[in-house]
Amino acid sequence: MSYRDISGHIKEMYDTDISHTVLSQITDQIIPDIKAWQSRPLEPLYCIVWLDAMHYKIKVDGKITHKALYNILGITKEGKKEILGMYISESEDANFWLQVLTDLQNRGLQDILIACTDNLKGFTQVILSVYPKAQVQLCIVHQIRNSLKYLASKDQKEFMKDLKKVYRAVTKDVAEDELINLEEKWESKYPVVIESWQRNWEQLSQYFEYTEDIYTTNAVEGFYRQIRKVTKTKGAFTNDMSLLKLVYLATRNIEKKWTAPLHNWSLTIQQFYIKFGDRIPLAINANSSEASLRGIEISDRV
């Protein structure tokens, strides 16, 4: 709720006026909680980490400026979702992402199996400089959106029909055959789009090694959708902290519902263990996922 909404509600319920200054002082009581949450220790391993940014208008010295709110969503080895951190910067660039990743490392995050990102220039190099063993998967959704920018509206429907045969293929081999078909049909008209898919193909196609549950963007898209519900009515935030307070409180409410692991996680973690082996530490207390891993370990020895 905005300060105007809160003061109006209090006026209606209790016939008492309360200023925006007082309301700001009240909500400032959560600032220590935010700072403690931002610096809390992290687990040493997250199987999947999505790194992306949302953009908001913030007042700076009486002027409206656009800033990037960096969000990091991680999946633990138990398959649970967790927001690892939120950071605000003037814009989204690889240099600031380096600061973000370094902060995550300083807070205890030692290894990432799969890092999912957009196609920001230099981002892959930044990730590998901090987490050299990470497998970088470029976001298919971002790639598609970028492609649509260069397509004439009359061609978008037909092009997307052909493109779906690529990224929804059953295997990587089939996808590459469809990519060749896409190139033969559209390269003369849209060389920039085709070249982008060809150049980024290896990092776009990492997901073919796993089940669909691994590469889907539902987890991060669902989080963004819920955050936008509480921020869409705000024209511009008064400062960085006003944005952080709102998104932090919304995030804590969202996380309360994240009690179950991702769909088919027991199957997913088995695939991870087969591929990444001893990079996935096994806890002493057994749950279904860890029990499955032990089963794989025993069968391997046999």
C-alpha atoms as a PDB file:
ATOM      1  CA  MET A   1       0.000   0.000   0.000  1.00  0.00           C
ATOM      2  CA  SER A   2       1.155   3.554  -0.653  1.00  0.00           C
ATOM      3  CA  TYR A   3       1.501   6.056   2.187  1.00  0.00           C
ATOM      4  CA  ARG A   4      -1.605   7.770   0.825  1.00  0.00           C
ATOM      5  CA  ASP A   5      -3.529   4.473   1.054  1.00  0.00           C
ATOM      6  CA  ILE A   6      -2.328   3.804   4.601  1.00  0.00           C
ATOM      7  CA  SER A   7      -3.081   7.300   5.903  1.00  0.00           C
ATOM      8  CA  GLY A   8      -6.515   7.191   4.236  1.00  0.00           C
ATOM      9  CA  HIS A   9      -7.270   3.811   5.841  1.00  0.00           C
ATOM     10  CA  ILE A  10      -6.212   5.032   9.309  1.00  0.00           C
ATOM     11  CA  LYS A  11      -8.297   8.180   8.860  1.00  0.00           C
ATOM     12  CA  GLU A  12     -11.347   6.109   7.923  1.00  0.00           C
ATOM     13  CA  MET A  13     -10.958   3.521  10.684  1.00  0.00           C
ATOM     14  CA  TYR A  14      -9.752   5.690  13.575  1.00  0.00           C
ATOM     15  CA  ASP A  15     -10.466   9.282  12.486  1.00  0.00           C
ATOM     16  CA  THR A  16      -6.800  10.056  13.018  1.00  0.00           C
ATOM     17  CA  ASP A  17      -4.470  11.908  10.685  1.00  0.00           C
ATOM     18  CA  ILE A  18      -0.968  10.532  10.194  1.00  0.00           C
ATOM     19  CA  SER A  19       1.639  12.203   8.005  1.00  0.00           C
ATOM     20  CA  HIS A  20       3.744  10.576   5.322  1.00  0.00           C
ATOM     21  CA  THR A  21       6.838  11.530   7.363  1.00  0.00           C
ATOM     22  CA  VAL A  22       5.616   9.550  10.369  1.00  0.00           C
ATOM     23  CA  LEU A  23       4.677   6.600   8.154  1.00  0.00           C
ATOM     24  CA  SER A  24       8.147   6.666   6.613  1.00  0.00           C
ATOM     25  CA  GLN A  25       9.722   6.661  10.072  1.00  0.00           C
ATOM     26  CA  ILE A  26       7.567   3.662  11.035  1.00  0.00           C
ATOM     27  CA  THR A  27       8.462   1.646   7.945  1.00  0.00           C
ATOM     28  CA  ASP A  28      12.133   2.579   8.390  1.00  0.00           C
ATOM     29  CA  GLN A  29      12.092   0.202  11.373  1.00  0.00           C
ATOM     30  CA  ILE A  30      12.585  -2.668   8.922  1.00  0.00           C
ATOM     31  CA  ILE A  31      15.798  -1.221   7.465  1.00  0.00           C
ATOM     32  CA  PRO A  32      18.018  -3.155   9.948  1.00  0.00           C
ATOM     33  CA  ASP A  33      16.150  -6.328   8.942  1.00  0.00           C
ATOM     34  CA  ILE A  34      16.805  -5.595   5.271  1.00  0.00           C
ATOM     35  CA  LYS A  35      20.514  -5.023   5.845  1.00  0.00           C
ATOM     36  CA  ALA A  36      20.799  -8.190   7.946  1.00  0.00           C
ATOM     37  CA  TRP A  37      18.964 -10.161   5.245  1.00  0.00           C
ATOM     38  CA  GLN A  38      21.181  -8.732   2.500  1.00  0.00           C
ATOM     39  CA  SER A  39      24.341  -9.808   4.348  1.00  0.00           C
ATOM     40  CA  ARG A  40      23.149 -13.175   5.717  1.00  0.00           C
ATOM     41  CA  PRO A  41      25.310 -16.264   5.105  1.00  0.00           C
ATOM     42  CA  LEU A  42      24.384 -18.392   2.085  1.00  0.00           C
ATOM     43  CA  GLU A  43      24.648 -22.104   1.445  1.00  0.00           C
ATOM     44  CA  PRO A  44      27.901 -23.214  -0.219  1.00  0.00           C
ATOM     45  CA  LEU A  45      26.066 -24.627  -3.267  1.00  0.00           C
ATOM     46  CA  TYR A  46      23.006 -23.646  -5.306  1.00  0.00           C
ATOM     47  CA  CYS A  47      22.121 -25.961  -8.179  1.00  0.00           C
ATOM     48  CA  ILE A  48      20.479 -23.313 -10.370  1.00  0.00           C
ATOM     49  CA  VAL A  49      20.813 -19.546 -10.053  1.00  0.00           C
ATOM     50  CA  TRP A  50      18.867 -17.036 -12.150  1.00  0.00           C
ATOM     51  CA  LEU A  51      20.509 -13.615 -12.437  1.00  0.00           C
ATOM     52  CA  ASP A  52      18.399 -10.813 -13.847  1.00  0.00           C
ATOM     53  CA  ALA A  53      17.366  -7.220 -13.225  1.00  0.00           C
ATOM     54  CA  MET A  54      14.122  -5.258 -13.104  1.00  0.00           C
ATOM     55  CA  HIS A  55      14.032  -1.552 -13.894  1.00  0.00           C
ATOM     56  CA  TYR A  56      12.298   1.187 -11.885  1.00  0.00           C
ATOM     57  CA  LYS A  57      11.960   4.959 -11.762  1.00  0.00           C
ATOM     58  CA  ILE A  58      13.509   6.605  -8.694  1.00  0.00           C
ATOM     59  CA  LYS A  59      13.716  10.280  -7.711  1.00  0.00           C
ATOM     60  CA  VAL A  60      17.271  11.552  -7.366  1.00  0.00           C
ATOM     61  CA  ASP A  61      17.811  15.224  -6.469  1.00  0.00           C
ATOM     62  CA  GLY A  62      14.312  16.065  -7.649  1.00  0.00           C
ATOM     63  CA  LYS A  63      14.741  14.339 -11.003  1.00  0.00           C
ATOM     64  CA  ILE A  64      13.393  10.990 -12.186  1.00  0.00           C
ATOM     65  CA  THR A  65      16.050   8.458 -13.119  1.00  0.00           C
ATOM     66  CA  HIS A  66      15.917   4.803 -14.115  1.00  0.00           C
ATOM     67  CA  LYS A  67      17.713   2.268 -11.931  1.00  0.00           C
ATOM     68  CA  ALA A  68      18.204  -1.485 -12.063  1.00  0.00           C
ATOM     69  CA  LEU A  69      17.099  -3.736  -9.216  1.00  0.00           C
ATOM     70  CA  TYR A  70      19.244  -6.871  -9.399  1.00  0.00           C
ATOM     71  CA  ASN A  71      17.524 -10.073  -8.285  1.00  0.00           C
ATOM     72  CA  ILE A  72      19.182 -13.433  -7.664  1.00  0.00           C
ATOM     73  CA  LEU A  73      16.943 -16.494  -7.364  1.00  0.00           C
ATOM     74  CA  GLY A  74      18.627 -19.734  -6.332  1.00  0.00           C
ATOM     75  CA  ILE A  75      17.556 -23.364  -6.097  1.00  0.00           C
ATOM     76  CA  THR A  76      19.068 -25.323  -3.207  1.00  0.00           C
ATOM     77  CA  LYS A  77      20.148 -28.934  -3.525  1.00  0.00           C
ATOM     78  CA  GLU A  78      16.845 -29.807  -1.832  1.00  0.00           C
ATOM     79  CA  GLY A  79      15.011 -28.140  -4.717  1.00  0.00           C
ATOM     80  CA  LYS A  80      13.747 -25.165  -2.674  1.00  0.00           C
ATOM     81  CA  LYS A  81      13.593 -21.652  -4.118  1.00  0.00           C
ATOM     82  CA  GLU A  82      15.382 -18.825  -2.300  1.00  0.00           C
ATOM     83  CA  ILE A  83      16.077 -15.180  -3.106  1.00  0.00           C
ATOM     84  CA  LEU A  84      19.790 -14.825  -2.460  1.00  0.00           C
ATOM     85  CA  GLY A  85      19.957 -11.059  -2.692  1.00  0.00           C
ATOM     86  CA  MET A  86      18.725  -7.756  -4.102  1.00  0.00           C
ATOM     87  CA  TYR A  87      20.942  -4.879  -5.200  1.00  0.00           C
ATOM     88  CA  ILE A  88      20.297  -1.479  -6.793  1.00  0.00           C
ATOM     89  CA  SER A  89      22.529   0.168  -9.401  1.00  0.00           C
ATOM     90  CA  GLU A  90      22.340   3.003 -11.902  1.00  0.00           C
ATOM     91  CA  SER A  91      22.031   0.526 -14.787  1.00  0.00           C
ATOM     92  CA  GLU A  92      22.427  -3.134 -15.611  1.00  0.00           C
ATOM     93  CA  ASP A  93      25.991  -3.856 -16.682  1.00  0.00           C
ATOM     94  CA  ALA A  94      28.589  -6.587 -16.329  1.00  0.00           C
ATOM     95  CA  ASN A  95      30.792  -4.553 -13.976  1.00  0.00           C
ATOM     96  CA  PHE A  96      28.087  -4.280 -11.340  1.00  0.00           C
ATOM     97  CA  TRP A  97      27.213  -7.948 -11.754  1.00  0.00           C
ATOM     98  CA  LEU A  98      30.834  -8.666 -10.826  1.00  0.00           C
ATOM     99  CA  GLN A  99      30.282  -6.828  -7.535  1.00  0.00           C
ATOM    100  CA  VAL A 100      27.076  -8.800  -6.957  1.00  0.00           C
ATOM    101  CA  LEU A 101      28.718 -12.173  -7.596  1.00  0.00           C
ATOM    102  CA  THR A 102      31.689 -11.254  -5.423  1.00  0.00           C
ATOM    103  CA  ASP A 103      29.305 -10.357  -2.594  1.00  0.00           C
ATOM    104  CA  LEU A 104      27.533 -13.731  -2.965  1.00  0.00           C
ATOM    105  CA  GLN A 105      30.913 -15.461  -2.810  1.00  0.00           C
ATOM    106  CA  ASN A 106      31.929 -13.501   0.298  1.00  0.00           C
ATOM    107  CA  ARG A 107      28.672 -14.580   1.946  1.00  0.00           C
ATOM    108  CA  GLY A 108      29.541 -18.239   1.497  1.00  0.00           C
ATOM    109  CA  LEU A 109      28.300 -19.227  -1.971  1.00  0.00           C
ATOM    110  CA  GLN A 110      31.170 -21.352  -3.255  1.00  0.00           C
ATOM    111  CA  ASP A 111      29.683 -23.083  -6.297  1.00  0.00           C
ATOM    112  CA  ILE A 112      26.892 -22.723  -8.868  1.00  0.00           C
ATOM    113  CA  LEU A 113      26.047 -25.641 -11.143  1.00  0.00           C
ATOM    114  CA  ILE A 114      23.941 -23.741 -13.699  1.00  0.00           C
ATOM    115  CA  ALA A 115      23.761 -19.946 -14.004  1.00  0.00           C
ATOM    116  CA  CYS A 116      20.802 -18.686 -16.076  1.00  0.00           C
ATOM    117  CA  THR A 117      21.212 -15.194 -17.507  1.00  0.00           C
ATOM    118  CA  ASP A 118      20.131 -12.859 -20.264  1.00  0.00           C
ATOM    119  CA  ASN A 119      22.528 -12.058 -23.096  1.00  0.00           C
ATOM    120  CA  LEU A 120      24.130  -9.031 -21.452  1.00  0.00           C
ATOM    121  CA  LYS A 121      27.500  -8.274 -23.027  1.00  0.00           C
ATOM    122  CA  GLY A 122      30.364  -9.653 -20.972  1.00  0.00           C
ATOM    123  CA  PHE A 123      28.066 -11.352 -18.447  1.00  0.00           C
ATOM    124  CA  THR A 124      29.244 -14.894 -19.140  1.00  0.00           C
ATOM    125  CA  GLN A 125      32.885 -13.884 -18.663  1.00  0.00           C
ATOM    126  CA  VAL A 126      32.005 -12.191 -15.369  1.00  0.00           C
ATOM    127  CA  ILE A 127      30.231 -15.304 -14.067  1.00  0.00           C
ATOM    128  CA  LEU A 128      33.104 -17.602 -15.024  1.00  0.00           C
ATOM    129  CA  SER A 129      35.642 -15.271 -13.437  1.00  0.00           C
ATOM    130  CA  VAL A 130      33.981 -15.823 -10.039  1.00  0.00           C
ATOM    131  CA  TYR A 131      32.508 -19.304 -10.563  1.00  0.00           C
ATOM    132  CA  PRO A 132      34.732 -20.947 -13.209  1.00  0.00           C
ATOM    133  CA  LYS A 133      32.941 -24.324 -13.014  1.00  0.00           C
ATOM    134  CA  ALA A 134      29.461 -22.883 -13.597  1.00  0.00           C
ATOM    135  CA  GLN A 135      27.538 -23.927 -16.701  1.00  0.00           C
ATOM    136  CA  VAL A 136      26.050 -20.767 -18.222  1.00  0.00           C
ATOM    137  CA  GLN A 137      22.603 -21.097 -19.800  1.00  0.00           C
ATOM    138  CA  LEU A 138      21.380 -18.057 -21.701  1.00  0.00           C
ATOM    139  CA  CYS A 139      17.693 -17.379 -21.183  1.00  0.00           C
ATOM    140  CA  ILE A 140      15.576 -18.554 -24.114  1.00  0.00           C
ATOM    141  CA  VAL A 141      12.835 -16.033 -23.248  1.00  0.00           C
ATOM    142  CA  HIS A 142      15.259 -13.104 -23.444  1.00  0.00           C
ATOM    143  CA  GLN A 143      16.660 -14.400 -26.738  1.00  0.00           C
ATOM    144  CA  ILE A 144      13.169 -14.676 -28.237  1.00  0.00           C
ATOM    145  CA  ARG A 145      12.215 -11.185 -27.071  1.00  0.00           C
ATOM    146  CA  ASN A 146      15.379  -9.743 -28.571  1.00  0.00           C
ATOM    147  CA  SER A 147      14.652 -11.533 -31.850  1.00  0.00           C
ATOM    148  CA  LEU A 148      11.128 -10.127 -32.065  1.00  0.00           C
ATOM    149  CA  LYS A 149      12.520  -6.590 -31.978  1.00  0.00           C
ATOM    150  CA  TYR A 150      14.023  -7.091 -35.439  1.00  0.00           C
ATOM    151  CA  LEU A 151      11.071  -8.826 -37.106  1.00  0.00           C
ATOM    152  CA  ALA A 152       8.421  -7.126 -39.196  1.00  0.00           C
ATOM    153  CA  SER A 153       5.003  -7.594 -37.598  1.00  0.00           C
ATOM    154  CA  LYS A 154       3.688  -9.415 -40.679  1.00  0.00           C
ATOM    155  CA  ASP A 155       6.438 -12.078 -40.329  1.00  0.00           C
ATOM    156  CA  GLN A 156       6.392 -12.599 -36.569  1.00  0.00           C
ATOM    157  CA  LYS A 157       3.747 -15.326 -36.449  1.00  0.00           C
ATOM    158  CA  GLU A 158       5.335 -17.454 -39.166  1.00  0.00           C
ATOM    159  CA  PHE A 159       8.869 -16.905 -37.863  1.00  0.00           C
ATOM    160  CA  MET A 160       7.851 -17.887 -34.324  1.00  0.00           C
ATOM    161  CA  LYS A 161       6.199 -21.048 -35.655  1.00  0.00           C
ATOM    162  CA  ASP A 162       9.504 -22.032 -37.254  1.00  0.00           C
ATOM    163  CA  LEU A 163      11.533 -20.939 -34.222  1.00  0.00           C
ATOM    164  CA  LYS A 164       9.485 -23.072 -31.815  1.00  0.00           C
ATOM    165  CA  LYS A 165      10.673 -26.137 -33.718  1.00  0.00           C
ATOM    166  CA  VAL A 166      14.184 -25.162 -32.633  1.00  0.00           C
ATOM    167  CA  TYR A 167      13.873 -24.475 -28.901  1.00  0.00           C
ATOM    168  CA  ARG A 168      11.084 -27.017 -28.302  1.00  0.00           C
ATOM    169  CA  ALA A 169      12.837 -29.853 -30.111  1.00  0.00           C
ATOM    170  CA  VAL A 170      13.091 -33.233 -28.396  1.00  0.00           C
ATOM    171  CA  THR A 171      16.890 -33.406 -28.679  1.00  0.00           C
ATOM    172  CA  LYS A 172      19.748 -31.047 -29.427  1.00  0.00           C
ATOM    173  CA  ASP A 173      20.451 -32.802 -32.739  1.00  0.00           C
ATOM    174  CA  VAL A 174      16.875 -32.229 -33.892  1.00  0.00           C
ATOM    175  CA  ALA A 175      17.061 -28.608 -32.690  1.00  0.00           C
ATOM    176  CA  GLU A 176      20.221 -28.006 -34.731  1.00  0.00           C
ATOM    177  CA  ASP A 177      18.578 -29.442 -37.849  1.00  0.00           C
ATOM    178  CA  GLU A 178      15.651 -27.073 -37.319  1.00  0.00           C
ATOM    179  CA  LEU A 179      18.071 -24.190 -36.782  1.00  0.00           C
ATOM    180  CA  ILE A 180      19.561 -24.930 -40.205  1.00  0.00           C
ATOM    181  CA  ASN A 181      16.051 -24.912 -41.715  1.00  0.00           C
ATOM    182  CA  LEU A 182      15.380 -21.589 -39.976  1.00  0.00           C
ATOM    183  CA  GLU A 183      18.588 -20.169 -41.415  1.00  0.00           C
ATOM    184  CA  GLU A 184      17.831 -21.314 -44.973  1.00  0.00           C
ATOM    185  CA  LYS A 185      14.379 -19.772 -44.864  1.00  0.00           C
ATOM    186  CA  TRP A 186      14.973 -16.478 -43.037  1.00  0.00           C
ATOM    187  CA  GLU A 187      18.667 -15.511 -43.136  1.00  0.00           C
ATOM    188  CA  SER A 188      18.396 -13.434 -46.285  1.00  0.00           C
ATOM    189  CA  LYS A 189      15.635 -11.326 -44.726  1.00  0.00           C
ATOM    190  CA  TYR A 190      16.728 -11.279 -41.065  1.00  0.00           C
ATOM    191  CA  PRO A 191      20.494 -11.942 -40.958  1.00  0.00           C
ATOM    192  CA  VAL A 192      20.946 -10.209 -37.573  1.00  0.00           C
ATOM    193  CA  VAL A 193      18.408 -12.478 -35.868  1.00  0.00           C
ATOM    194  CA  ILE A 194      19.785 -15.687 -37.377  1.00  0.00           C
ATOM    195  CA  GLU A 195      23.375 -14.687 -36.599  1.00  0.00           C
ATOM    196  CA  SER A 196      22.424 -14.060 -32.960  1.00  0.00           C
ATOM    197  CA  TRP A 197      20.948 -17.550 -32.586  1.00  0.00           C
ATOM    198  CA  GLN A 198      23.978 -19.115 -34.234  1.00  0.00           C
ATOM    199  CA  ARG A 199      26.473 -17.143 -32.153  1.00  0.00           C
ATOM    200  CA  ASN A 200      24.755 -17.904 -28.845  1.00  0.00           C
ATOM    201  CA  TRP A 201      23.622 -21.438 -29.666  1.00  0.00           C
ATOM    202  CA  GLU A 202      25.991 -23.350 -27.387  1.00  0.00           C
ATOM    203  CA  GLN A 203      24.921 -21.365 -24.323  1.00  0.00           C
ATOM    204  CA  LEU A 204      21.276 -21.337 -25.395  1.00  0.00           C
ATOM    205  CA  SER A 205      21.175 -25.117 -25.840  1.00  0.00           C
ATOM    206  CA  GLN A 206      22.663 -26.295 -22.530  1.00  0.00           C
ATOM    207  CA  TYR A 207      19.192 -27.292 -21.311  1.00  0.00           C
ATOM    208  CA  PHE A 208      18.947 -30.189 -23.771  1.00  0.00           C
ATOM    209  CA  GLU A 209      21.158 -32.166 -21.395  1.00  0.00           C
ATOM    210  CA  TYR A 210      18.396 -32.214 -18.780  1.00  0.00           C
ATOM    211  CA  THR A 211      14.660 -32.586 -18.273  1.00  0.00           C
ATOM    212  CA  GLU A 212      12.302 -29.705 -19.095  1.00  0.00           C
ATOM    213  CA  ASP A 213      11.889 -28.866 -15.387  1.00  0.00           C
ATOM    214  CA  ILE A 214      15.480 -27.640 -15.263  1.00  0.00           C
ATOM    215  CA  TYR A 215      15.424 -25.089 -18.051  1.00  0.00           C
ATOM    216  CA  THR A 216      11.936 -23.674 -17.625  1.00  0.00           C
ATOM    217  CA  THR A 217      11.813 -20.013 -16.584  1.00  0.00           C
ATOM    218  CA  ASN A 218       8.555 -20.462 -14.633  1.00  0.00           C
ATOM    219  CA  ALA A 219      10.299 -20.043 -11.280  1.00  0.00           C
ATOM    220  CA  VAL A 220      11.856 -16.652 -11.964  1.00  0.00           C
ATOM    221  CA  GLU A 221       8.993 -15.387 -14.162  1.00  0.00           C
ATOM    222  CA  GLY A 222       6.506 -16.261 -11.395  1.00  0.00           C
ATOM    223  CA  PHE A 223       8.554 -14.283  -8.871  1.00  0.00           C
ATOM    224  CA  TYR A 224       8.757 -11.238 -11.130  1.00  0.00           C
ATOM    225  CA  ARG A 225       5.037 -11.387 -11.809  1.00  0.00           C
ATOM    226  CA  GLN A 226       4.269 -11.238  -8.083  1.00  0.00           C
ATOM    227  CA  ILE A 227       6.733  -8.395  -7.486  1.00  0.00           C
ATOM    228  CA  ARG A 228       5.245  -6.357 -10.332  1.00  0.00           C
ATOM    229  CA  LYS A 229       1.807  -6.680  -8.740  1.00  0.00           C
ATOM    230  CA  VAL A 230       2.980  -4.593  -5.777  1.00  0.00           C
ATOM    231  CA  THR A 231       5.166  -2.146  -7.716  1.00  0.00           C
ATOM    232  CA  LYS A 232       3.106  -1.446 -10.856  1.00  0.00           C
ATOM    233  CA  THR A 233       1.011   1.285  -9.188  1.00  0.00           C
ATOM    234  CA  LYS A 234       4.094   3.282  -8.153  1.00  0.00           C
ATOM    235  CA  GLY A 235       5.016   5.971 -10.661  1.00  0.00           C
ATOM    236  CA  ALA A 236       8.421   6.650  -9.104  1.00  0.00           C
ATOM    237  CA  PHE A 237      10.011   5.770  -5.778  1.00  0.00           C
ATOM    238  CA  THR A 238      11.289   8.546  -3.540  1.00  0.00           C
ATOM    239  CA  ASN A 239      14.682   6.864  -3.079  1.00  0.00           C
ATOM    240  CA  ASP A 240      16.486   3.534  -3.333  1.00  0.00           C
ATOM    241  CA  MET A 241      15.448   2.419   0.137  1.00  0.00           C
ATOM    242  CA  SER A 242      11.743   3.000  -0.515  1.00  0.00           C
ATOM    243  CA  LEU A 243      12.006   0.538  -3.417  1.00  0.00           C
ATOM    244  CA  LEU A 244      14.005  -1.949  -1.359  1.00  0.00           C
ATOM    245  CA  LYS A 245      11.527  -1.804   1.534  1.00  0.00           C
ATOM    246  CA  LEU A 246       8.584  -2.606  -0.686  1.00  0.00           C
ATOM    247  CA  VAL A 247      10.270  -5.388  -2.667  1.00  0.00           C
ATOM    248  CA  TYR A 248      11.827  -6.874   0.490  1.00  0.00           C
ATOM    249  CA  LEU A 249       8.462  -7.142   2.260  1.00  0.00           C
ATOM    250  CA  ALA A 250       6.827  -8.570  -0.855  1.00  0.00           C
ATOM    251  CA  THR A 251       9.669 -11.078  -1.246  1.00  0.00           C
ATOM    252  CA  ARG A 252       9.365 -12.272   2.354  1.00  0.00           C
ATOM    253  CA  ASN A 253       5.639 -12.873   1.805  1.00  0.00           C
ATOM    254  CA  ILE A 254       6.310 -14.740  -1.436  1.00  0.00           C
ATOM    255  CA  GLU A 255       8.977 -16.924   0.182  1.00  0.00           C
ATOM    256  CA  LYS A 256       6.517 -18.123   2.829  1.00  0.00           C
ATOM    257  CA  LYS A 257       4.776 -20.105   0.078  1.00  0.00           C
ATOM    258  CA  TRP A 258       8.011 -21.708  -1.134  1.00  0.00           C
ATOM    259  CA  THR A 259       7.779 -24.733   1.125  1.00  0.00           C
ATOM    260  CA  ALA A 260       7.912 -27.546  -1.450  1.00  0.00           C
ATOM    261  CA  PRO A 261      10.740 -28.454  -3.849  1.00  0.00           C
ATOM    262  CA  LEU A 262      10.421 -27.878  -7.585  1.00  0.00           C
ATOM    263  CA  HIS A 263       8.333 -30.328  -9.587  1.00  0.00           C
ATOM    264  CA  ASN A 264      10.118 -33.668 -10.186  1.00  0.00           C
ATOM    265  CA  TRP A 265      13.136 -32.473  -8.211  1.00  0.00           C
ATOM    266  CA  SER A 266      14.147 -36.005  -7.186  1.00  0.00           C
ATOM    267  CA  LEU A 267      14.654 -36.812 -10.887  1.00  0.00           C
ATOM    268  CA  THR A 268      16.427 -33.525 -11.540  1.00  0.00           C
ATOM    269  CA  ILE A 269      18.914 -33.894  -8.676  1.00  0.00           C
ATOM    270  CA  GLN A 270      19.779 -37.396  -9.889  1.00  0.00           C
ATOM    271  CA  GLN A 271      20.660 -35.974 -13.301  1.00  0.00           C
ATOM    272  CA  PHE A 272      22.753 -33.281 -11.615  1.00  0.00           C
ATOM    273  CA  TYR A 273      24.568 -35.849  -9.524  1.00  0.00           C
ATOM    274  CA  ILE A 274      25.372 -37.949 -12.608  1.00  0.00           C
ATOM    275  CA  LYS A 275      26.789 -34.878 -14.396  1.00  0.00           C
ATOM    276  CA  PHE A 276      28.389 -32.910 -11.550  1.00  0.00           C
ATOM    277  CA  GLY A 277      29.244 -35.732  -9.129  1.00  0.00           C
ATOM    278  CA  ASP A 278      31.134 -34.696  -5.996  1.00  0.00           C
ATOM    279  CA  ARG A 279      30.310 -31.015  -6.497  1.00  0.00           C
ATOM    280  CA  ILE A 280      26.961 -31.858  -4.851  1.00  0.00           C
ATOM    281  CA  PRO A 281      27.597 -32.573  -1.153  1.00  0.00           C
ATOM    282  CA  LEU A 282      25.275 -35.082   0.504  1.00  0.00           C
ATOM    283  CA  ALA A 283      23.789 -34.098   3.863  1.00  0.00           C
ATOM    284  CA  ILE A 284      23.784 -36.527   6.781  1.00  0.00           C
ATOM    285  CA  ASN A 285      20.027 -36.436   7.261  1.00  0.00           C
ATOM    286  CA  ALA A 286      18.421 -38.278   4.360  1.00  0.00           C
ATOM    287  CA  ASN A 287      15.427 -36.964   2.493  1.00  0.00           C
ATOM    288  CA  SER A 288      13.945 -38.308  -0.720  1.00  0.00           C
ATOM    289  CA  SER A 289      16.371 -36.447  -2.991  1.00  0.00           C
ATOM    290  CA  GLU A 290      19.448 -37.454  -0.983  1.00  0.00           C
ATOM    291  CA  ALA A 291      18.221 -41.002  -0.694  1.00  0.00           C
ATOM    292  CA  SER A 292      17.913 -41.104  -4.478  1.00  0.00           C
ATOM    293  CA  LEU A 293      21.465 -39.821  -4.811  1.00  0.00           C
ATOM    294  CA  ARG A 294      22.761 -42.517  -2.507  1.00  0.00           C
ATOM    295  CA  GLY A 295      20.960 -45.044  -4.675  1.00  0.00           C
ATOM    296  CA  ILE A 296      22.832 -43.762  -7.699  1.00  0.00           C
ATOM    297  CA  GLU A 297      26.099 -43.850  -5.769  1.00  0.00           C
ATOM    298  CA  ILE A 298      25.563 -47.489  -4.791  1.00  0.00           C
ATOM    299  CA  SER A 299      24.506 -48.539  -8.293  1.00  0.00           C
ATOM    300  CA  ASP A 300      27.589 -46.837  -9.735  1.00  0.00           C
ATOM    301  CA  ARG A 301      29.815 -48.827  -7.408  1.00  0.00           C
ATOM    302  CA  VAL A 302      28.054 -52.072  -8.292  1.00  0.00           C
END
